[in-house]
Amino acid sequence: MRTTKIMPLSMLPESLREALRRRLSDGRWRRLREYGAKQSKQVGVRQSEVERLIHEYRREQRGAG
């Protein structure tokens, strides 16, 4: 027999809700960083080049519109 109960997140104490949100967010950011590292390695872009490349891309997009 099941002794646990399903409880909506809104009924949890605020500190626990915040901890759960942070945990989920941390996992998403970790996966995003891993994806970015894999992609940059495939195209041969170093982390130190990323900001410059973003600025160049945005400048080109503004000029194209």
Protein backbone atom coordinates (compact mmCIF):
# COMPACT_ATOMS: atom_id res chain seq x y z
CA MET A 1 0.00 0.00 0.00
CA ARG A 2 1.27 3.44 -0.90
CA THR A 3 2.02 5.66 2.07
CA THR A 4 3.38 8.69 0.19
CA LYS A 5 1.19 11.53 -0.97
CA ILE A 6 1.49 13.70 -4.04
CA MET A 7 1.65 17.34 -3.03
CA PRO A 8 1.40 20.34 -5.37
CA LEU A 9 4.50 22.56 -5.42
CA SER A 10 2.41 25.50 -4.27
CA MET A 11 1.88 23.77 -0.91
CA LEU A 12 5.61 23.39 -0.21
CA PRO A 13 7.41 25.90 2.01
CA GLU A 14 8.97 28.73 -0.01
CA SER A 15 12.55 27.70 0.85
CA LEU A 16 11.97 24.18 -0.46
CA ARG A 17 10.31 25.48 -3.64
CA GLU A 18 13.27 27.78 -4.24
CA ALA A 19 15.72 24.92 -3.68
CA LEU A 20 13.84 22.77 -6.22
CA ARG A 21 13.78 25.63 -8.75
CA ARG A 22 17.51 26.20 -8.30
CA ARG A 23 18.27 22.50 -8.67
CA LEU A 24 16.29 22.27 -11.91
CA SER A 25 17.86 25.46 -13.22
CA ASP A 26 21.39 24.28 -12.39
CA GLY A 27 20.82 21.08 -14.35
CA ARG A 28 19.55 22.99 -17.37
CA TRP A 29 22.54 25.35 -17.31
CA ARG A 30 24.94 22.42 -16.95
CA ARG A 31 23.42 20.70 -20.00
CA LEU A 32 23.51 23.97 -21.95
CA ARG A 33 27.20 24.53 -21.09
CA GLU A 34 28.01 20.95 -22.10
CA TYR A 35 26.18 21.42 -25.40
CA GLY A 36 27.99 24.71 -26.06
CA ALA A 37 31.37 23.17 -25.31
CA LYS A 38 30.67 20.30 -27.70
CA GLN A 39 29.50 22.62 -30.47
CA SER A 40 32.42 25.02 -30.09
CA LYS A 41 34.88 22.13 -30.23
CA GLN A 42 33.27 20.86 -33.44
CA VAL A 43 33.60 24.23 -35.20
CA GLY A 44 36.94 25.12 -33.64
CA VAL A 45 35.90 28.19 -31.64
CA ARG A 46 37.66 29.00 -28.37
CA GLN A 47 35.81 30.36 -25.36
CA SER A 48 37.88 33.55 -25.58
CA GLU A 49 36.49 34.16 -29.10
CA VAL A 50 32.80 33.74 -28.32
CA GLU A 51 31.99 37.29 -27.21
CA ARG A 52 33.71 38.83 -30.23
CA LEU A 53 31.91 36.44 -32.60
CA ILE A 54 28.54 37.27 -31.02
CA HIS A 55 29.16 41.00 -31.48
CA GLU A 56 30.22 40.49 -35.10
CA TYR A 57 27.15 38.39 -35.84
CA ARG A 58 24.79 40.93 -34.28
CA ARG A 59 26.46 43.79 -36.16
CA GLU A 60 26.00 41.87 -39.45
CA GLN A 61 22.35 41.20 -38.63
CA ARG A 62 21.65 44.88 -37.96
CA GLY A 63 23.27 45.82 -41.25
CA ALA A 64 21.33 43.18 -43.20
CA GLY A 65 17.89 44.41 -42.06
